[in-house]
N, C-alpha and C. Protein backbone atom coordinates (compact mmCIF):
# COMPACT_ATOMS: atom_id res chain seq x y z
N MET A 1 -21.97 141.49 107.66
CA MET A 1 -22.39 140.70 106.52
C MET A 1 -22.99 141.60 105.43
N ASN A 2 -23.81 142.57 105.81
CA ASN A 2 -24.41 143.47 104.83
C ASN A 2 -23.33 144.31 104.13
N ARG A 3 -22.29 144.70 104.86
CA ARG A 3 -21.21 145.51 104.27
C ARG A 3 -20.47 144.72 103.19
N VAL A 4 -20.21 143.45 103.45
CA VAL A 4 -19.53 142.60 102.46
C VAL A 4 -20.39 142.46 101.22
N ARG A 5 -21.67 142.23 101.38
CA ARG A 5 -22.59 142.09 100.26
C ARG A 5 -22.64 143.39 99.44
N LEU A 6 -22.64 144.54 100.13
CA LEU A 6 -22.67 145.84 99.46
C LEU A 6 -21.39 146.04 98.64
N ILE A 7 -20.24 145.67 99.20
CA ILE A 7 -18.97 145.81 98.48
C ILE A 7 -18.97 144.92 97.25
N ARG A 8 -19.47 143.68 97.35
CA ARG A 8 -19.54 142.79 96.19
C ARG A 8 -20.42 143.38 95.10
N TRP A 9 -21.58 143.91 95.47
CA TRP A 9 -22.48 144.50 94.48
C TRP A 9 -21.84 145.71 93.82
N ALA A 10 -21.12 146.52 94.59
CA ALA A 10 -20.44 147.68 94.02
C ALA A 10 -19.37 147.25 93.02
N ALA A 11 -18.64 146.18 93.33
CA ALA A 11 -17.62 145.67 92.40
C ALA A 11 -18.26 145.15 91.12
N ILE A 12 -19.36 144.43 91.24
CA ILE A 12 -20.04 143.91 90.05
C ILE A 12 -20.60 145.06 89.21
N ALA A 13 -21.21 146.04 89.86
CA ALA A 13 -21.76 147.18 89.13
C ALA A 13 -20.66 147.96 88.42
N SER A 14 -19.52 148.15 89.08
CA SER A 14 -18.44 148.89 88.42
C SER A 14 -17.87 148.11 87.25
N ALA A 15 -17.88 146.80 87.30
CA ALA A 15 -17.41 146.00 86.17
C ALA A 15 -18.32 146.19 84.96
N PHE A 16 -19.62 146.26 85.19
CA PHE A 16 -20.56 146.48 84.09
C PHE A 16 -20.42 147.88 83.50
N ILE A 17 -20.17 148.87 84.34
CA ILE A 17 -20.02 150.25 83.87
C ILE A 17 -18.70 150.41 83.13
N ALA A 18 -17.61 149.81 83.64
CA ALA A 18 -16.29 149.99 83.04
C ALA A 18 -16.13 149.19 81.75
N GLY A 19 -16.90 148.14 81.55
CA GLY A 19 -16.76 147.28 80.38
C GLY A 19 -16.72 148.04 79.06
N PRO A 20 -17.71 148.87 78.72
CA PRO A 20 -17.67 149.60 77.46
C PRO A 20 -16.50 150.58 77.36
N ALA A 21 -16.08 151.14 78.48
CA ALA A 21 -14.98 152.09 78.45
C ALA A 21 -13.65 151.40 78.14
N LEU A 22 -13.58 150.09 78.33
CA LEU A 22 -12.35 149.34 78.09
C LEU A 22 -12.37 148.63 76.75
N ALA A 23 -13.09 149.16 75.79
CA ALA A 23 -13.17 148.54 74.47
C ALA A 23 -11.78 148.41 73.87
N LYS A 24 -11.59 147.32 73.11
CA LYS A 24 -10.28 147.04 72.51
C LYS A 24 -9.98 148.00 71.37
N SER A 25 -8.75 148.51 71.38
CA SER A 25 -8.30 149.41 70.32
C SER A 25 -8.04 148.61 69.05
N LEU A 26 -8.47 149.15 67.91
CA LEU A 26 -8.24 148.49 66.62
C LEU A 26 -6.80 148.63 66.17
N TRP A 27 -6.19 149.76 66.45
CA TRP A 27 -4.77 150.00 66.16
C TRP A 27 -4.27 151.09 67.08
N TRP A 28 -2.96 151.16 67.23
CA TRP A 28 -2.33 152.13 68.12
C TRP A 28 -0.98 152.51 67.53
N ASP A 29 -0.62 153.80 67.58
CA ASP A 29 0.68 154.25 67.10
C ASP A 29 1.17 155.39 67.99
N GLU A 30 2.48 155.57 68.02
CA GLU A 30 3.12 156.60 68.81
C GLU A 30 4.27 157.17 68.00
N ALA A 31 4.53 158.46 68.15
CA ALA A 31 5.65 159.08 67.45
C ALA A 31 6.25 160.18 68.31
N ARG A 32 7.54 160.31 68.22
CA ARG A 32 8.25 161.46 68.80
C ARG A 32 8.19 162.56 67.75
N ILE A 33 7.89 163.77 68.19
CA ILE A 33 7.79 164.90 67.26
C ILE A 33 8.65 166.03 67.79
N GLY A 34 8.93 167.00 66.96
CA GLY A 34 9.72 168.15 67.35
C GLY A 34 9.08 169.42 66.83
N VAL A 35 7.92 169.74 67.35
CA VAL A 35 7.20 170.94 66.93
C VAL A 35 7.32 171.97 68.04
N LYS A 36 7.72 173.19 67.68
CA LYS A 36 7.85 174.25 68.67
C LYS A 36 7.11 175.47 68.17
N VAL A 37 6.21 175.99 69.00
CA VAL A 37 5.45 177.18 68.66
C VAL A 37 5.27 178.02 69.93
N HIS A 38 5.59 179.30 69.85
CA HIS A 38 5.57 180.19 71.02
C HIS A 38 6.36 179.57 72.18
N ASP A 39 7.48 178.96 71.86
CA ASP A 39 8.36 178.29 72.83
C ASP A 39 7.72 177.11 73.55
N HIS A 40 6.57 176.65 73.11
CA HIS A 40 5.96 175.43 73.63
C HIS A 40 6.51 174.28 72.80
N ALA A 41 7.11 173.30 73.46
CA ALA A 41 7.75 172.17 72.77
C ALA A 41 6.82 170.96 72.77
N PHE A 42 6.26 170.65 71.61
CA PHE A 42 5.42 169.47 71.42
C PHE A 42 6.35 168.32 71.05
N HIS A 43 6.35 167.25 71.87
CA HIS A 43 7.38 166.23 71.72
C HIS A 43 6.89 164.81 71.50
N ARG A 44 5.64 164.54 71.73
CA ARG A 44 5.14 163.16 71.59
C ARG A 44 3.67 163.18 71.23
N VAL A 45 3.27 162.21 70.40
CA VAL A 45 1.86 162.05 70.05
C VAL A 45 1.54 160.56 70.03
N THR A 46 0.35 160.23 70.53
CA THR A 46 -0.16 158.87 70.42
C THR A 46 -1.53 158.93 69.76
N ALA A 47 -1.85 157.87 69.03
CA ALA A 47 -3.17 157.79 68.38
C ALA A 47 -3.62 156.33 68.39
N ASN A 48 -4.91 156.15 68.59
CA ASN A 48 -5.50 154.82 68.51
C ASN A 48 -6.94 154.93 68.06
N ALA A 49 -7.48 153.82 67.59
CA ALA A 49 -8.87 153.83 67.11
C ALA A 49 -9.70 152.84 67.89
N ILE A 50 -10.92 153.27 68.20
CA ILE A 50 -11.95 152.40 68.75
C ILE A 50 -13.18 152.66 67.92
N GLY A 51 -13.56 151.67 67.12
CA GLY A 51 -14.65 151.86 66.18
C GLY A 51 -14.26 152.91 65.15
N CYS A 52 -15.11 153.86 64.92
CA CYS A 52 -14.84 154.94 63.96
C CYS A 52 -14.10 156.11 64.58
N GLN A 53 -13.84 156.06 65.88
CA GLN A 53 -13.18 157.16 66.59
C GLN A 53 -11.66 157.00 66.59
N VAL A 54 -10.97 158.07 66.24
CA VAL A 54 -9.52 158.14 66.43
C VAL A 54 -9.29 158.99 67.67
N ARG A 55 -8.56 158.43 68.61
CA ARG A 55 -8.26 159.16 69.85
C ARG A 55 -6.80 159.56 69.83
N VAL A 56 -6.53 160.83 70.13
CA VAL A 56 -5.18 161.39 70.04
C VAL A 56 -4.81 162.03 71.37
N ARG A 57 -3.55 161.87 71.72
CA ARG A 57 -2.97 162.58 72.88
C ARG A 57 -1.69 163.25 72.39
N ILE A 58 -1.59 164.54 72.66
CA ILE A 58 -0.41 165.31 72.28
C ILE A 58 0.26 165.81 73.56
N TYR A 59 1.53 165.50 73.71
CA TYR A 59 2.30 165.85 74.90
C TYR A 59 3.20 167.03 74.58
N PHE A 60 3.21 168.02 75.49
CA PHE A 60 4.05 169.19 75.27
C PHE A 60 4.48 169.81 76.58
N ASP A 61 5.53 170.64 76.49
CA ASP A 61 6.03 171.38 77.63
C ASP A 61 5.78 172.86 77.39
N ALA A 62 5.12 173.50 78.35
CA ALA A 62 4.84 174.93 78.28
C ALA A 62 5.91 175.66 79.08
N PRO A 63 6.57 176.66 78.47
CA PRO A 63 7.70 177.32 79.13
C PRO A 63 7.26 178.22 80.29
N PHE A 64 8.00 178.17 81.37
CA PHE A 64 7.68 179.02 82.53
C PHE A 64 7.76 180.50 82.17
N ALA A 65 8.71 180.86 81.33
CA ALA A 65 8.87 182.28 80.95
C ALA A 65 7.65 182.81 80.19
N GLY A 66 6.91 181.95 79.53
CA GLY A 66 5.75 182.38 78.76
C GLY A 66 4.53 182.70 79.60
N TYR A 67 4.59 182.42 80.89
CA TYR A 67 3.43 182.62 81.76
C TYR A 67 3.76 183.54 82.93
N GLN A 68 4.66 184.48 82.71
CA GLN A 68 5.09 185.40 83.75
C GLN A 68 4.66 186.84 83.49
N GLU A 69 3.82 187.07 82.50
CA GLU A 69 3.40 188.43 82.14
C GLU A 69 2.53 189.03 83.25
N PRO A 70 2.69 190.32 83.52
CA PRO A 70 1.83 190.98 84.52
C PRO A 70 0.37 191.05 84.07
N ALA A 71 0.14 191.15 82.77
CA ALA A 71 -1.24 191.17 82.26
C ALA A 71 -1.71 189.73 82.08
N PRO A 72 -2.72 189.29 82.84
CA PRO A 72 -3.16 187.88 82.82
C PRO A 72 -3.55 187.38 81.42
N GLN A 73 -4.14 188.24 80.58
CA GLN A 73 -4.56 187.78 79.26
C GLN A 73 -3.37 187.37 78.40
N ARG A 74 -2.17 187.85 78.71
CA ARG A 74 -0.96 187.46 77.97
C ARG A 74 -0.44 186.09 78.41
N ASN A 75 -0.93 185.59 79.52
CA ASN A 75 -0.53 184.27 80.02
C ASN A 75 -1.50 183.19 79.56
N HIS A 76 -2.09 183.41 78.42
CA HIS A 76 -3.11 182.50 77.85
C HIS A 76 -2.71 182.20 76.41
N PHE A 77 -2.57 180.93 76.09
CA PHE A 77 -2.24 180.51 74.73
C PHE A 77 -3.34 179.58 74.22
N ARG A 78 -3.64 179.69 72.91
CA ARG A 78 -4.61 178.80 72.27
C ARG A 78 -3.88 178.07 71.15
N PHE A 79 -4.19 176.79 71.01
CA PHE A 79 -3.55 175.94 70.01
C PHE A 79 -4.60 175.18 69.21
N ALA A 80 -4.22 174.75 68.03
CA ALA A 80 -4.98 173.78 67.24
C ALA A 80 -3.95 172.86 66.61
N ALA A 81 -4.26 171.58 66.54
CA ALA A 81 -3.33 170.60 65.98
C ALA A 81 -3.96 169.90 64.78
N GLN A 82 -3.15 169.69 63.78
CA GLN A 82 -3.58 168.90 62.62
C GLN A 82 -2.76 167.61 62.63
N VAL A 83 -3.45 166.48 62.60
CA VAL A 83 -2.82 165.17 62.62
C VAL A 83 -2.99 164.53 61.26
N SER A 84 -1.88 164.09 60.67
CA SER A 84 -1.90 163.40 59.39
C SER A 84 -1.53 161.94 59.61
N LEU A 85 -2.34 161.06 59.03
CA LEU A 85 -2.12 159.63 59.15
C LEU A 85 -1.83 159.04 57.77
N SER A 86 -1.48 157.77 57.76
CA SER A 86 -1.28 157.09 56.48
C SER A 86 -2.59 157.11 55.70
N ASP A 87 -2.54 156.79 54.43
CA ASP A 87 -3.70 156.85 53.52
C ASP A 87 -4.22 158.28 53.35
N ASN A 88 -3.37 159.27 53.60
CA ASN A 88 -3.72 160.68 53.45
C ASN A 88 -4.91 161.13 54.30
N GLN A 89 -5.15 160.44 55.38
CA GLN A 89 -6.21 160.86 56.30
C GLN A 89 -5.64 161.94 57.22
N ARG A 90 -6.40 163.01 57.40
CA ARG A 90 -5.98 164.05 58.34
C ARG A 90 -7.20 164.73 58.92
N PHE A 91 -6.99 165.30 60.10
CA PHE A 91 -8.06 165.98 60.80
C PHE A 91 -7.46 166.99 61.75
N VAL A 92 -8.27 167.95 62.16
CA VAL A 92 -7.82 169.06 63.00
C VAL A 92 -8.57 168.99 64.34
N SER A 93 -7.84 169.26 65.40
CA SER A 93 -8.46 169.32 66.73
C SER A 93 -9.29 170.58 66.86
N GLU A 94 -10.14 170.60 67.86
CA GLU A 94 -10.77 171.86 68.25
C GLU A 94 -9.69 172.71 68.91
N PRO A 95 -9.85 174.01 68.94
CA PRO A 95 -8.85 174.83 69.64
C PRO A 95 -8.78 174.44 71.11
N PHE A 96 -7.56 174.42 71.65
CA PHE A 96 -7.41 174.10 73.07
C PHE A 96 -6.54 175.16 73.73
N ASP A 97 -6.85 175.43 74.99
CA ASP A 97 -6.23 176.51 75.75
C ASP A 97 -5.20 175.98 76.73
N ASN A 98 -4.22 176.80 77.01
CA ASN A 98 -3.27 176.50 78.07
C ASN A 98 -2.97 177.79 78.83
N ILE A 99 -3.03 177.71 80.16
CA ILE A 99 -2.81 178.89 80.99
C ILE A 99 -1.75 178.66 82.07
N GLU A 100 -1.04 177.52 81.98
CA GLU A 100 -0.02 177.20 82.99
C GLU A 100 1.22 176.62 82.34
N ALA A 101 2.36 176.87 82.96
CA ALA A 101 3.62 176.30 82.50
C ALA A 101 3.76 174.87 83.00
N GLY A 102 4.66 174.13 82.36
CA GLY A 102 4.96 172.77 82.80
C GLY A 102 4.58 171.73 81.76
N ALA A 103 4.69 170.46 82.15
CA ALA A 103 4.35 169.34 81.27
C ALA A 103 2.84 169.27 81.11
N ARG A 104 2.38 169.12 79.88
CA ARG A 104 0.95 169.13 79.56
C ARG A 104 0.62 167.99 78.60
N VAL A 105 -0.67 167.59 78.60
CA VAL A 105 -1.19 166.62 77.64
C VAL A 105 -2.54 167.13 77.18
N PHE A 106 -2.75 167.15 75.87
CA PHE A 106 -4.06 167.50 75.31
C PHE A 106 -4.59 166.26 74.62
N ALA A 107 -5.81 165.86 74.96
CA ALA A 107 -6.45 164.68 74.37
C ALA A 107 -7.69 165.12 73.61
N PHE A 108 -7.86 164.55 72.43
CA PHE A 108 -9.07 164.82 71.65
C PHE A 108 -9.36 163.62 70.76
N SER A 109 -10.53 163.61 70.15
CA SER A 109 -10.89 162.51 69.26
C SER A 109 -11.53 163.05 67.99
N HIS A 110 -11.50 162.21 66.97
CA HIS A 110 -12.11 162.54 65.68
C HIS A 110 -12.98 161.37 65.27
N ASP A 111 -14.21 161.65 64.92
CA ASP A 111 -15.15 160.61 64.48
C ASP A 111 -15.11 160.52 62.96
N SER A 112 -14.65 159.38 62.44
CA SER A 112 -14.58 159.19 60.99
C SER A 112 -15.83 158.51 60.44
N GLY A 113 -16.86 158.40 61.25
CA GLY A 113 -18.09 157.72 60.82
C GLY A 113 -18.74 158.32 59.59
N ALA A 114 -18.77 159.64 59.50
CA ALA A 114 -19.38 160.32 58.35
C ALA A 114 -18.47 160.27 57.12
N GLU A 115 -17.24 159.78 57.31
CA GLU A 115 -16.26 159.71 56.22
C GLU A 115 -15.96 158.26 55.85
N GLY A 116 -16.92 157.37 56.04
CA GLY A 116 -16.74 155.97 55.70
C GLY A 116 -16.07 155.14 56.78
N CYS A 117 -15.98 155.68 57.97
CA CYS A 117 -15.39 154.98 59.12
C CYS A 117 -13.99 154.46 58.80
N TRP A 118 -13.16 155.31 58.21
CA TRP A 118 -11.82 154.90 57.82
C TRP A 118 -10.94 154.56 59.02
N ALA A 119 -11.32 154.98 60.22
CA ALA A 119 -10.51 154.68 61.41
C ALA A 119 -10.45 153.19 61.70
N GLU A 120 -11.38 152.41 61.16
CA GLU A 120 -11.37 150.97 61.39
C GLU A 120 -10.20 150.28 60.69
N ARG A 121 -9.63 150.92 59.68
CA ARG A 121 -8.44 150.38 59.00
C ARG A 121 -7.20 150.82 59.78
N GLU A 122 -6.19 150.00 59.80
CA GLU A 122 -4.97 150.35 60.52
C GLU A 122 -4.27 151.53 59.87
N HIS A 123 -3.81 152.45 60.71
CA HIS A 123 -3.11 153.65 60.25
C HIS A 123 -1.83 153.85 61.06
N THR A 124 -0.94 154.66 60.51
CA THR A 124 0.25 155.08 61.23
C THR A 124 0.31 156.60 61.20
N LEU A 125 0.93 157.17 62.22
CA LEU A 125 1.10 158.62 62.28
C LEU A 125 2.12 159.05 61.23
N ARG A 126 1.82 160.13 60.53
CA ARG A 126 2.73 160.67 59.52
C ARG A 126 3.26 162.05 59.89
N LYS A 127 2.39 162.91 60.45
CA LYS A 127 2.81 164.29 60.72
C LYS A 127 1.85 164.93 61.72
N VAL A 128 2.39 165.83 62.53
CA VAL A 128 1.58 166.65 63.42
C VAL A 128 2.03 168.09 63.23
N ASP A 129 1.09 168.97 63.01
CA ASP A 129 1.37 170.40 62.88
C ASP A 129 0.54 171.12 63.93
N VAL A 130 1.11 172.18 64.50
CA VAL A 130 0.42 172.93 65.55
C VAL A 130 0.45 174.41 65.20
N HIS A 131 -0.70 175.06 65.29
CA HIS A 131 -0.79 176.51 65.15
C HIS A 131 -1.19 177.07 66.50
N ALA A 132 -0.73 178.30 66.77
CA ALA A 132 -1.01 178.88 68.09
C ALA A 132 -1.16 180.38 68.00
N CYS A 133 -1.76 180.94 69.03
CA CYS A 133 -1.86 182.39 69.20
C CYS A 133 -1.82 182.68 70.70
N ARG A 134 -1.57 183.92 71.02
CA ARG A 134 -1.43 184.31 72.42
C ARG A 134 -2.49 185.33 72.77
N GLY A 135 -3.19 185.09 73.88
CA GLY A 135 -4.20 186.02 74.36
C GLY A 135 -5.57 185.38 74.44
N VAL A 136 -6.35 185.82 75.40
CA VAL A 136 -7.71 185.32 75.59
C VAL A 136 -8.54 185.65 74.35
N GLY A 137 -9.23 184.65 73.81
CA GLY A 137 -10.11 184.87 72.67
C GLY A 137 -9.43 184.89 71.32
N CYS A 138 -8.11 184.70 71.27
CA CYS A 138 -7.45 184.69 69.96
C CYS A 138 -7.83 183.42 69.19
N VAL A 139 -7.61 183.44 67.89
CA VAL A 139 -7.96 182.28 67.05
C VAL A 139 -6.70 181.84 66.30
N PRO A 140 -6.26 180.59 66.49
CA PRO A 140 -5.09 180.12 65.75
C PRO A 140 -5.35 180.13 64.23
N GLU A 141 -4.30 180.39 63.45
CA GLU A 141 -4.41 180.38 61.98
C GLU A 141 -4.98 179.05 61.51
N PRO A 142 -5.84 179.06 60.49
CA PRO A 142 -6.36 177.79 59.97
C PRO A 142 -5.26 177.02 59.21
N PHE A 143 -5.45 175.72 59.07
CA PHE A 143 -4.55 174.89 58.30
C PHE A 143 -4.98 174.90 56.84
N GLU A 144 -4.01 174.76 55.96
CA GLU A 144 -4.34 174.75 54.51
C GLU A 144 -4.73 173.36 54.08
């Protein structure tokens, strides 16, 4: 009897904890892209907004040949992505690292709160650009 009561309380507690994490998205968009840098093929992007936050996921394939160098520092790539939305809104991700070949997903968010919370208006994806460099500690070229 105590075990059943404990399981019920755990289910109720998890519902209260998960509630805020399941907030409704204000808008959502997806696009197929064809960006290739250092033989990494970026092929899909999704974006959605919750409040002033824009959440982005960028899907890419990292080539096996790019991670076969005998020097480990050469098997390290750094990327930065610039996402352009409708209404001329754009933002840049923080640099992100990749050290393995295969299918990958990079997720990041941008807070538009200091910019008038423009994420609350519906947007569509317009463009994704990716800059990259090879080696531990390298810095991808900035976007113009």
